[in-house]
Amino acid sequence: MPPEDGGRGRLLDRLTPQQSQVVRLAASGLTKRQIADRLLLSPRTVGFHLYQAFPKLGGTSRAQLRDALDAGSGDRGGPVPVR
C-alpha cells in the first residue's frame, strides 16, 4: 500500500547521506566541480553519486531532480548547509 503522501517527502530517504547532499547541491544549480569543492570530493565522485541517485529518484536530469525535491520535500532550492 503506498504512503498517504504518495512517497513525497521520502525521496531523500532513498539516498545515502552523501548522495542526498550531492543531489541537493546539484538541484540548486551547482556544477560537479563546485559541488566537489564544497564537499571536499573529486568531481568524478560527485558524478558517481549523481549516477547512483538518478534511478533512485526516478529522474534523468538535474531539472528533474530539482522538481522531485521541490515536490517531495517542500524545499525550494535554498542553500544547503554543509557540515
Protein backbone atom coordinates (compact mmCIF):
# COMPACT_ATOMS: atom_id res chain seq x y z
CA MET A 1 0.00 0.00 0.00
CA PRO A 2 1.54 3.37 -0.99
CA PRO A 3 2.09 6.00 1.69
CA GLU A 4 -0.58 8.66 2.05
CA ASP A 5 1.67 11.33 0.61
CA GLY A 6 2.39 9.20 -2.47
CA GLY A 7 6.01 8.86 -1.42
CA ARG A 8 6.64 12.60 -1.49
CA GLY A 9 8.76 13.75 1.39
CA ARG A 10 10.54 10.40 1.49
CA LEU A 11 12.56 10.81 -1.70
CA LEU A 12 15.77 11.65 0.10
CA ASP A 13 15.28 8.67 2.42
CA ARG A 14 16.19 6.50 -0.58
CA LEU A 15 19.65 8.06 -0.73
CA THR A 16 22.76 7.81 1.38
CA PRO A 17 23.56 10.98 3.33
CA GLN A 18 26.36 11.79 0.86
CA GLN A 19 24.09 11.25 -2.16
CA SER A 20 21.47 13.46 -0.54
CA GLN A 21 23.94 16.32 -0.13
CA VAL A 22 25.19 15.97 -3.70
CA VAL A 23 21.66 15.80 -5.13
CA ARG A 24 20.52 18.91 -3.23
CA LEU A 25 23.52 20.88 -4.40
CA ALA A 26 23.13 19.69 -8.00
CA ALA A 27 19.43 20.55 -7.91
CA SER A 28 20.34 24.06 -6.73
CA GLY A 29 22.37 24.55 -9.92
CA LEU A 30 25.95 23.90 -8.84
CA THR A 31 28.32 22.15 -11.23
CA LYS A 32 30.11 18.91 -10.35
CA ARG A 33 33.32 20.86 -9.75
CA GLN A 34 31.56 23.35 -7.44
CA ILE A 35 29.91 20.52 -5.51
CA ALA A 36 33.25 18.70 -5.27
CA ASP A 37 34.98 21.80 -3.93
CA ARG A 38 32.25 22.41 -1.37
CA LEU A 39 32.12 18.81 -0.12
CA LEU A 40 35.85 18.10 -0.45
CA LEU A 41 35.28 15.35 -3.04
CA SER A 42 36.57 14.77 -6.53
CA PRO A 43 34.28 15.77 -9.44
CA ARG A 44 34.32 12.13 -10.51
CA THR A 45 32.96 11.05 -7.10
CA VAL A 46 30.23 13.68 -7.38
CA GLY A 47 29.33 12.30 -10.80
CA PHE A 48 29.17 8.79 -9.38
CA HIS A 49 26.84 9.90 -6.58
CA LEU A 50 24.55 11.55 -9.13
CA TYR A 51 24.69 8.44 -11.32
CA GLN A 52 23.60 6.32 -8.35
CA ALA A 53 20.90 8.79 -7.23
CA PHE A 54 19.11 9.35 -10.55
CA PRO A 55 17.47 5.90 -10.73
CA LYS A 56 16.56 6.01 -7.03
CA LEU A 57 14.70 9.29 -7.58
CA GLY A 58 13.26 8.38 -10.96
CA GLY A 59 14.99 11.17 -12.86
CA THR A 60 17.50 11.55 -15.64
CA SER A 61 18.34 15.26 -15.43
CA ARG A 62 19.17 17.90 -12.85
CA ALA A 63 15.92 19.71 -13.63
CA GLN A 64 14.02 16.54 -12.77
CA LEU A 65 15.99 16.27 -9.54
CA ARG A 66 15.04 19.82 -8.64
CA ASP A 67 11.38 19.19 -9.46
CA ALA A 68 11.34 15.93 -7.49
CA LEU A 69 12.91 17.60 -4.46
CA ASP A 70 10.52 20.55 -4.67
CA ALA A 71 7.51 18.25 -4.86
CA GLY A 72 8.81 15.76 -2.33
CA SER A 73 10.25 17.83 0.46
CA GLY A 74 8.84 21.28 0.25
CA ASP A 75 12.41 22.52 -0.23
CA ARG A 76 12.58 25.33 -2.74
CA GLY A 77 16.23 25.00 -3.65
CA GLY A 78 17.64 27.21 -0.92
CA PRO A 79 21.20 26.88 0.26
CA VAL A 80 22.17 23.57 1.74
CA PRO A 81 24.11 23.73 4.99
CA VAL A 82 27.45 21.98 4.74
CA ARG A 83 28.67 20.31 7.92
